[in-house]
N, C-alpha and C. Protein backbone atom coordinates (compact mmCIF):
# COMPACT_ATOMS: atom_id res chain seq x y z
N MET A 1 -17.54 -22.90 0.91
CA MET A 1 -16.99 -23.08 -0.42
C MET A 1 -15.61 -22.40 -0.48
N MET A 2 -14.65 -23.11 -0.94
CA MET A 2 -13.28 -22.62 -1.02
C MET A 2 -13.07 -21.82 -2.30
N PRO A 3 -12.50 -20.60 -2.21
CA PRO A 3 -12.24 -19.82 -3.43
C PRO A 3 -11.25 -20.58 -4.33
N LYS A 4 -11.41 -20.38 -5.62
CA LYS A 4 -10.54 -21.05 -6.58
C LYS A 4 -9.68 -20.03 -7.31
N LEU A 5 -8.47 -20.45 -7.59
CA LEU A 5 -7.56 -19.64 -8.40
C LEU A 5 -8.11 -19.61 -9.82
N GLN A 6 -8.18 -18.43 -10.39
CA GLN A 6 -8.66 -18.29 -11.75
C GLN A 6 -7.79 -17.28 -12.49
N LEU A 7 -7.81 -17.35 -13.80
CA LEU A 7 -6.96 -16.48 -14.61
C LEU A 7 -7.32 -15.01 -14.46
N LEU A 8 -8.60 -14.68 -14.47
CA LEU A 8 -9.03 -13.29 -14.33
C LEU A 8 -9.25 -12.98 -12.85
N ASN A 9 -8.15 -12.68 -12.17
CA ASN A 9 -8.23 -12.39 -10.74
C ASN A 9 -7.64 -11.01 -10.45
N CYS A 10 -7.83 -10.55 -9.25
CA CYS A 10 -7.40 -9.20 -8.86
C CYS A 10 -5.88 -9.04 -8.73
N PHE A 11 -5.14 -10.13 -8.78
CA PHE A 11 -3.69 -10.02 -8.71
C PHE A 11 -3.14 -9.17 -9.85
N TRP A 12 -3.79 -9.22 -11.01
CA TRP A 12 -3.35 -8.43 -12.16
C TRP A 12 -3.31 -6.94 -11.82
N LEU A 13 -4.17 -6.52 -10.93
CA LEU A 13 -4.21 -5.10 -10.56
C LEU A 13 -2.96 -4.67 -9.80
N LEU A 14 -2.29 -5.61 -9.19
CA LEU A 14 -1.08 -5.29 -8.42
C LEU A 14 0.14 -5.08 -9.30
N LEU A 15 0.10 -5.55 -10.54
CA LEU A 15 1.29 -5.46 -11.39
C LEU A 15 1.79 -4.04 -11.60
N PRO A 16 0.93 -3.05 -11.87
CA PRO A 16 1.48 -1.68 -11.99
C PRO A 16 2.15 -1.20 -10.70
N ILE A 17 1.61 -1.60 -9.57
CA ILE A 17 2.20 -1.23 -8.28
C ILE A 17 3.58 -1.86 -8.13
N PHE A 18 3.67 -3.15 -8.46
CA PHE A 18 4.95 -3.86 -8.36
C PHE A 18 5.99 -3.23 -9.29
N VAL A 19 5.59 -2.90 -10.52
CA VAL A 19 6.52 -2.30 -11.48
C VAL A 19 6.98 -0.93 -10.98
N TRP A 20 6.03 -0.11 -10.54
CA TRP A 20 6.37 1.23 -10.02
C TRP A 20 7.38 1.11 -8.87
N ASN A 21 7.08 0.24 -7.91
CA ASN A 21 7.97 0.07 -6.76
C ASN A 21 9.35 -0.43 -7.18
N ALA A 22 9.39 -1.37 -8.13
CA ALA A 22 10.67 -1.90 -8.58
C ALA A 22 11.51 -0.83 -9.26
N VAL A 23 10.88 0.03 -10.02
CA VAL A 23 11.60 1.07 -10.75
C VAL A 23 12.04 2.22 -9.84
N PHE A 24 11.18 2.64 -8.91
CA PHE A 24 11.44 3.89 -8.19
C PHE A 24 11.89 3.76 -6.74
N THR A 25 11.72 2.63 -6.10
CA THR A 25 12.07 2.53 -4.68
C THR A 25 13.53 2.88 -4.43
N ALA A 26 14.43 2.39 -5.25
CA ALA A 26 15.86 2.66 -5.05
C ALA A 26 16.19 4.14 -5.23
N ARG A 27 15.33 4.87 -5.92
CA ARG A 27 15.58 6.30 -6.17
C ARG A 27 15.06 7.19 -5.06
N LEU A 28 14.27 6.63 -4.14
CA LEU A 28 13.76 7.44 -3.03
C LEU A 28 14.91 7.89 -2.14
N PRO A 29 14.96 9.17 -1.79
CA PRO A 29 16.01 9.62 -0.87
C PRO A 29 15.72 9.04 0.52
N GLN A 30 16.74 8.81 1.25
CA GLN A 30 16.58 8.26 2.59
C GLN A 30 16.50 9.37 3.64
N ALA A 31 16.25 10.58 3.17
CA ALA A 31 16.15 11.72 4.09
C ALA A 31 15.10 11.44 5.17
N GLY A 32 15.49 11.58 6.38
CA GLY A 32 14.57 11.38 7.48
C GLY A 32 14.44 9.93 7.92
N PHE A 33 14.92 8.99 7.11
CA PHE A 33 14.81 7.59 7.47
C PHE A 33 15.92 7.25 8.45
N LYS A 34 15.56 6.82 9.62
CA LYS A 34 16.55 6.48 10.64
C LYS A 34 17.04 5.05 10.36
N SER A 35 16.28 4.07 10.79
CA SER A 35 16.57 2.67 10.49
C SER A 35 15.47 1.82 11.10
N ASP A 36 15.51 0.54 10.78
CA ASP A 36 14.56 -0.40 11.38
C ASP A 36 15.07 -0.89 12.73
N ALA A 37 16.24 -0.43 13.16
CA ALA A 37 16.82 -0.90 14.41
C ALA A 37 15.91 -0.64 15.61
N GLY A 38 15.20 0.48 15.60
CA GLY A 38 14.34 0.82 16.72
C GLY A 38 12.91 0.32 16.56
N VAL A 39 12.64 -0.39 15.47
CA VAL A 39 11.29 -0.90 15.22
C VAL A 39 11.17 -2.28 15.88
N PRO A 40 10.20 -2.46 16.75
CA PRO A 40 10.05 -3.76 17.41
C PRO A 40 9.88 -4.89 16.39
N GLN A 41 10.49 -6.02 16.70
CA GLN A 41 10.41 -7.19 15.82
C GLN A 41 8.95 -7.59 15.58
N SER A 42 8.11 -7.42 16.58
CA SER A 42 6.69 -7.78 16.42
C SER A 42 6.03 -6.94 15.33
N VAL A 43 6.41 -5.67 15.22
CA VAL A 43 5.85 -4.80 14.18
C VAL A 43 6.34 -5.26 12.81
N LEU A 44 7.63 -5.55 12.71
CA LEU A 44 8.20 -6.00 11.44
C LEU A 44 7.57 -7.32 10.99
N LEU A 45 7.39 -8.25 11.92
CA LEU A 45 6.78 -9.54 11.58
C LEU A 45 5.31 -9.39 11.20
N ALA A 46 4.58 -8.58 11.94
CA ALA A 46 3.17 -8.35 11.62
C ALA A 46 3.05 -7.71 10.24
N GLU A 47 3.89 -6.73 9.96
CA GLU A 47 3.84 -6.07 8.66
C GLU A 47 4.14 -7.06 7.54
N GLN A 48 5.16 -7.87 7.72
CA GLN A 48 5.53 -8.82 6.66
C GLN A 48 4.44 -9.86 6.45
N GLY A 49 3.88 -10.38 7.52
CA GLY A 49 2.80 -11.36 7.39
C GLY A 49 1.58 -10.78 6.70
N LEU A 50 1.20 -9.57 7.10
CA LEU A 50 0.06 -8.91 6.46
C LEU A 50 0.37 -8.56 5.01
N ARG A 51 1.60 -8.16 4.72
CA ARG A 51 1.99 -7.85 3.34
C ARG A 51 1.83 -9.09 2.46
N ILE A 52 2.31 -10.21 2.95
CA ILE A 52 2.18 -11.46 2.17
C ILE A 52 0.71 -11.77 1.92
N ALA A 53 -0.11 -11.67 2.95
CA ALA A 53 -1.54 -11.96 2.80
C ALA A 53 -2.20 -11.01 1.80
N VAL A 54 -1.92 -9.72 1.93
CA VAL A 54 -2.56 -8.71 1.10
C VAL A 54 -2.13 -8.81 -0.37
N PHE A 55 -0.92 -9.28 -0.62
CA PHE A 55 -0.45 -9.36 -2.00
C PHE A 55 -0.66 -10.73 -2.64
N ILE A 56 -0.95 -11.75 -1.85
CA ILE A 56 -1.25 -13.08 -2.40
C ILE A 56 -2.75 -13.30 -2.52
N TRP A 57 -3.51 -12.83 -1.56
CA TRP A 57 -4.96 -13.01 -1.52
C TRP A 57 -5.66 -12.63 -2.83
N PRO A 58 -5.25 -11.55 -3.52
CA PRO A 58 -5.95 -11.19 -4.76
C PRO A 58 -5.96 -12.29 -5.83
N LEU A 59 -5.07 -13.26 -5.72
CA LEU A 59 -5.11 -14.40 -6.65
C LEU A 59 -6.45 -15.14 -6.54
N LEU A 60 -7.09 -15.04 -5.40
CA LEU A 60 -8.36 -15.73 -5.16
C LEU A 60 -9.59 -14.84 -5.37
N LEU A 61 -9.35 -13.58 -5.68
CA LEU A 61 -10.47 -12.64 -5.87
C LEU A 61 -10.73 -12.45 -7.36
N PRO A 62 -11.94 -12.74 -7.81
CA PRO A 62 -12.24 -12.60 -9.24
C PRO A 62 -12.29 -11.13 -9.65
N LEU A 63 -11.83 -10.86 -10.86
CA LEU A 63 -12.00 -9.53 -11.44
C LEU A 63 -13.48 -9.39 -11.80
N ARG A 64 -14.14 -8.41 -11.20
CA ARG A 64 -15.56 -8.21 -11.46
C ARG A 64 -15.76 -6.78 -11.98
N TRP A 65 -16.76 -6.57 -12.80
CA TRP A 65 -17.04 -5.23 -13.30
C TRP A 65 -18.51 -5.02 -13.61
N GLN A 66 -19.33 -6.00 -13.32
CA GLN A 66 -20.72 -5.93 -13.74
C GLN A 66 -21.67 -5.25 -12.76
N ASP A 67 -21.31 -5.10 -11.50
CA ASP A 67 -22.25 -4.49 -10.55
C ASP A 67 -21.72 -3.14 -10.07
N GLN A 68 -22.59 -2.42 -9.38
CA GLN A 68 -22.24 -1.07 -8.93
C GLN A 68 -21.03 -1.06 -7.98
N GLY A 69 -20.96 -2.04 -7.08
CA GLY A 69 -19.83 -2.10 -6.14
C GLY A 69 -18.50 -2.30 -6.84
N SER A 70 -18.47 -3.20 -7.82
CA SER A 70 -17.20 -3.43 -8.52
C SER A 70 -16.84 -2.24 -9.40
N ARG A 71 -17.83 -1.59 -9.99
CA ARG A 71 -17.54 -0.39 -10.79
C ARG A 71 -16.96 0.72 -9.90
N ALA A 72 -17.52 0.88 -8.72
CA ALA A 72 -16.97 1.86 -7.77
C ALA A 72 -15.54 1.45 -7.38
N GLY A 73 -15.31 0.15 -7.26
CA GLY A 73 -13.97 -0.35 -6.95
C GLY A 73 -12.96 -0.01 -8.03
N TRP A 74 -13.38 -0.12 -9.30
CA TRP A 74 -12.47 0.23 -10.40
C TRP A 74 -12.09 1.71 -10.35
N VAL A 75 -13.07 2.56 -10.06
CA VAL A 75 -12.80 3.99 -9.96
C VAL A 75 -11.86 4.26 -8.78
N LEU A 76 -12.15 3.66 -7.63
CA LEU A 76 -11.31 3.85 -6.45
C LEU A 76 -9.91 3.31 -6.69
N PHE A 77 -9.81 2.17 -7.36
CA PHE A 77 -8.49 1.60 -7.67
C PHE A 77 -7.70 2.54 -8.59
N ALA A 78 -8.34 3.06 -9.64
CA ALA A 78 -7.65 3.94 -10.58
C ALA A 78 -7.21 5.24 -9.91
N VAL A 79 -8.13 5.87 -9.17
CA VAL A 79 -7.79 7.12 -8.48
C VAL A 79 -6.73 6.85 -7.42
N GLY A 80 -6.89 5.78 -6.66
CA GLY A 80 -5.94 5.44 -5.61
C GLY A 80 -4.55 5.15 -6.15
N THR A 81 -4.48 4.47 -7.27
CA THR A 81 -3.18 4.18 -7.88
C THR A 81 -2.51 5.48 -8.34
N LEU A 82 -3.30 6.36 -8.95
CA LEU A 82 -2.76 7.65 -9.38
C LEU A 82 -2.27 8.47 -8.19
N VAL A 83 -3.06 8.52 -7.12
CA VAL A 83 -2.66 9.26 -5.92
C VAL A 83 -1.38 8.65 -5.34
N TYR A 84 -1.30 7.33 -5.30
CA TYR A 84 -0.11 6.64 -4.80
C TYR A 84 1.12 7.01 -5.63
N PHE A 85 1.00 6.94 -6.94
CA PHE A 85 2.13 7.29 -7.80
C PHE A 85 2.54 8.75 -7.61
N VAL A 86 1.56 9.65 -7.59
CA VAL A 86 1.84 11.08 -7.43
C VAL A 86 2.48 11.37 -6.07
N SER A 87 2.13 10.58 -5.04
CA SER A 87 2.69 10.82 -3.71
C SER A 87 4.20 10.61 -3.67
N TRP A 88 4.71 9.86 -4.61
CA TRP A 88 6.15 9.62 -4.68
C TRP A 88 6.91 10.79 -5.32
N LEU A 89 6.26 11.51 -6.20
CA LEU A 89 6.95 12.51 -7.02
C LEU A 89 7.67 13.59 -6.23
N PRO A 90 7.07 14.18 -5.19
CA PRO A 90 7.83 15.18 -4.43
C PRO A 90 9.10 14.60 -3.79
N LEU A 91 9.00 13.38 -3.28
CA LEU A 91 10.19 12.77 -2.66
C LEU A 91 11.27 12.48 -3.69
N LEU A 92 10.85 12.10 -4.90
CA LEU A 92 11.81 11.78 -5.95
C LEU A 92 12.45 13.03 -6.56
N TYR A 93 11.62 14.07 -6.79
CA TYR A 93 12.09 15.21 -7.56
C TYR A 93 12.24 16.51 -6.76
N LEU A 94 11.64 16.57 -5.59
CA LEU A 94 11.74 17.77 -4.75
C LEU A 94 11.99 17.36 -3.29
N PRO A 95 13.05 16.61 -3.04
CA PRO A 95 13.26 16.06 -1.70
C PRO A 95 13.56 17.08 -0.61
N GLU A 96 13.92 18.29 -0.98
CA GLU A 96 14.27 19.30 0.02
C GLU A 96 13.09 20.20 0.39
N THR A 97 11.93 19.97 -0.17
CA THR A 97 10.77 20.81 0.14
C THR A 97 10.20 20.47 1.51
N ALA A 98 9.40 21.40 2.01
CA ALA A 98 8.75 21.19 3.30
C ALA A 98 7.85 19.96 3.26
N TRP A 99 7.12 19.75 2.14
CA TRP A 99 6.24 18.59 2.00
C TRP A 99 7.05 17.29 2.14
N SER A 100 8.16 17.22 1.43
CA SER A 100 8.97 15.99 1.42
C SER A 100 9.63 15.72 2.77
N LYS A 101 9.73 16.74 3.60
CA LYS A 101 10.33 16.56 4.92
C LYS A 101 9.28 16.47 6.02
N SER A 102 8.02 16.66 5.65
CA SER A 102 6.95 16.61 6.64
C SER A 102 6.51 15.16 6.88
N ALA A 103 5.86 14.93 8.00
CA ALA A 103 5.34 13.59 8.30
C ALA A 103 4.33 13.16 7.25
N VAL A 104 3.46 14.05 6.85
CA VAL A 104 2.44 13.71 5.85
C VAL A 104 3.10 13.32 4.53
N GLY A 105 4.10 14.06 4.12
CA GLY A 105 4.81 13.76 2.87
C GLY A 105 5.64 12.50 2.96
N LEU A 106 6.38 12.35 4.06
CA LEU A 106 7.22 11.15 4.22
C LEU A 106 6.40 9.87 4.31
N LEU A 107 5.21 9.96 4.89
CA LEU A 107 4.38 8.77 5.10
C LEU A 107 3.38 8.52 3.97
N ALA A 108 3.31 9.39 2.99
CA ALA A 108 2.30 9.27 1.93
C ALA A 108 2.37 7.92 1.22
N GLN A 109 3.57 7.41 0.97
CA GLN A 109 3.70 6.12 0.30
C GLN A 109 3.23 4.97 1.18
N ALA A 110 3.10 5.21 2.46
CA ALA A 110 2.63 4.17 3.39
C ALA A 110 1.11 4.19 3.55
N TYR A 111 0.48 5.39 3.52
CA TYR A 111 -0.96 5.44 3.76
C TYR A 111 -1.80 5.49 2.48
N THR A 112 -1.26 5.97 1.37
CA THR A 112 -2.08 6.04 0.15
C THR A 112 -2.42 4.68 -0.45
N PRO A 113 -1.68 3.59 -0.17
CA PRO A 113 -2.11 2.28 -0.69
C PRO A 113 -3.50 1.88 -0.21
N LEU A 114 -3.96 2.47 0.89
CA LEU A 114 -5.30 2.13 1.38
C LEU A 114 -6.36 2.37 0.30
N LEU A 115 -6.15 3.38 -0.54
CA LEU A 115 -7.13 3.68 -1.59
C LEU A 115 -7.20 2.57 -2.63
N TRP A 116 -6.04 2.20 -3.21
CA TRP A 116 -6.10 1.16 -4.25
C TRP A 116 -6.38 -0.22 -3.67
N LEU A 117 -5.99 -0.46 -2.43
CA LEU A 117 -6.34 -1.73 -1.79
C LEU A 117 -7.85 -1.82 -1.55
N ALA A 118 -8.46 -0.71 -1.15
CA ALA A 118 -9.92 -0.68 -0.98
C ALA A 118 -10.61 -0.92 -2.32
N GLY A 119 -10.04 -0.37 -3.38
CA GLY A 119 -10.58 -0.61 -4.71
C GLY A 119 -10.55 -2.09 -5.07
N ILE A 120 -9.44 -2.74 -4.77
CA ILE A 120 -9.32 -4.18 -5.03
C ILE A 120 -10.35 -4.95 -4.20
N ALA A 121 -10.54 -4.56 -2.95
CA ALA A 121 -11.53 -5.22 -2.10
C ALA A 121 -12.93 -5.11 -2.69
N LEU A 122 -13.27 -3.94 -3.23
CA LEU A 122 -14.58 -3.76 -3.85
C LEU A 122 -14.70 -4.54 -5.15
N ILE A 123 -13.65 -4.52 -5.96
CA ILE A 123 -13.68 -5.26 -7.23
C ILE A 123 -13.85 -6.75 -6.96
N GLY A 124 -13.11 -7.26 -5.98
CA GLY A 124 -13.17 -8.68 -5.64
C GLY A 124 -14.29 -9.03 -4.68
N ALA A 125 -15.05 -8.05 -4.24
CA ALA A 125 -16.17 -8.24 -3.31
C ALA A 125 -15.75 -9.01 -2.06
N SER A 126 -14.69 -8.53 -1.41
CA SER A 126 -14.17 -9.23 -0.24
C SER A 126 -13.95 -8.26 0.91
N TRP A 127 -14.88 -8.27 1.87
CA TRP A 127 -14.71 -7.46 3.07
C TRP A 127 -13.59 -7.99 3.96
N PRO A 128 -13.36 -9.31 4.03
CA PRO A 128 -12.20 -9.76 4.79
C PRO A 128 -10.88 -9.23 4.21
N TYR A 129 -10.81 -9.15 2.88
CA TYR A 129 -9.61 -8.58 2.26
C TYR A 129 -9.48 -7.10 2.61
N ALA A 130 -10.61 -6.38 2.64
CA ALA A 130 -10.58 -4.97 3.03
C ALA A 130 -10.04 -4.82 4.45
N LEU A 131 -10.47 -5.68 5.35
CA LEU A 131 -10.00 -5.63 6.74
C LEU A 131 -8.50 -5.94 6.81
N ALA A 132 -8.06 -6.97 6.10
CA ALA A 132 -6.63 -7.31 6.09
C ALA A 132 -5.81 -6.15 5.52
N SER A 133 -6.33 -5.50 4.48
CA SER A 133 -5.64 -4.35 3.88
C SER A 133 -5.55 -3.19 4.86
N LEU A 134 -6.63 -2.94 5.58
CA LEU A 134 -6.64 -1.87 6.58
C LEU A 134 -5.61 -2.16 7.68
N LEU A 135 -5.55 -3.38 8.13
CA LEU A 135 -4.56 -3.76 9.14
C LEU A 135 -3.14 -3.60 8.61
N PHE A 136 -2.92 -4.07 7.36
CA PHE A 136 -1.60 -3.94 6.76
C PHE A 136 -1.17 -2.47 6.68
N VAL A 137 -2.04 -1.62 6.16
CA VAL A 137 -1.68 -0.20 6.02
C VAL A 137 -1.43 0.42 7.39
N GLY A 138 -2.23 0.07 8.38
CA GLY A 138 -2.01 0.60 9.73
C GLY A 138 -0.66 0.22 10.28
N VAL A 139 -0.29 -1.04 10.15
CA VAL A 139 1.02 -1.51 10.64
C VAL A 139 2.15 -0.91 9.80
N HIS A 140 1.93 -0.81 8.50
CA HIS A 140 2.93 -0.23 7.59
C HIS A 140 3.20 1.24 7.94
N VAL A 141 2.15 1.99 8.20
CA VAL A 141 2.30 3.39 8.60
C VAL A 141 3.03 3.48 9.94
N TYR A 142 2.64 2.65 10.88
CA TYR A 142 3.29 2.65 12.20
C TYR A 142 4.78 2.32 12.06
N HIS A 143 5.11 1.33 11.25
CA HIS A 143 6.51 0.98 11.00
C HIS A 143 7.26 2.19 10.44
N ASN A 144 6.65 2.88 9.48
CA ASN A 144 7.30 4.04 8.88
C ASN A 144 7.44 5.20 9.86
N ILE A 145 6.46 5.37 10.73
CA ILE A 145 6.57 6.40 11.77
C ILE A 145 7.79 6.13 12.64
N LEU A 146 7.94 4.87 13.04
CA LEU A 146 9.08 4.51 13.88
C LEU A 146 10.40 4.62 13.10
N ALA A 147 10.42 4.16 11.86
CA ALA A 147 11.65 4.17 11.06
C ALA A 147 12.09 5.58 10.71
N HIS A 148 11.15 6.50 10.60
CA HIS A 148 11.49 7.90 10.31
C HIS A 148 11.71 8.71 11.57
N GLY A 149 11.53 8.07 12.72
CA GLY A 149 11.72 8.77 13.98
C GLY A 149 10.67 9.84 14.24
N LEU A 150 9.47 9.66 13.68
CA LEU A 150 8.43 10.66 13.81
C LEU A 150 7.65 10.57 15.11
N SER A 151 7.80 9.47 15.84
CA SER A 151 7.02 9.30 17.06
C SER A 151 7.78 9.75 18.30
N GLY A 152 9.05 9.99 18.13
CA GLY A 152 9.89 10.29 19.28
C GLY A 152 10.34 9.02 19.98
N ALA A 153 9.85 7.85 19.50
CA ALA A 153 10.19 6.57 20.11
C ALA A 153 11.37 5.91 19.44
N ALA A 154 11.73 6.35 18.24
CA ALA A 154 12.82 5.69 17.53
C ALA A 154 14.09 6.51 17.62
């Protein structure tokens, strides 16, 4: 059975993320960011393909709230979104701190989406979406490691 596009789908959950990124991405300091020049094209293409899948797929996932799994998903989505937003604050407002210059701090915006993406997977009851999200976050973190020169390879 082919999933159908419906009005009450998980894509709505992405809107706060899109708004946050649109408002604050340009304000992030580029401290520690080298460039994408040393990032293999295969990594960039894999990341972009997975990004498209992970951000379009929720159109096919119904918003659910009636069972225990979807309720846990709502909690994970809310907490994960809050953690994601908070992970940006040191970089935006305290860019010279040890946290903002550390690998954990610099990469927080790349790995914390796993929380809210897992929440969406639970809400939409889609383990394939969870797997795609895990792959996306893994490639996204790897790209950021290379772009920040944290691996010694960039």
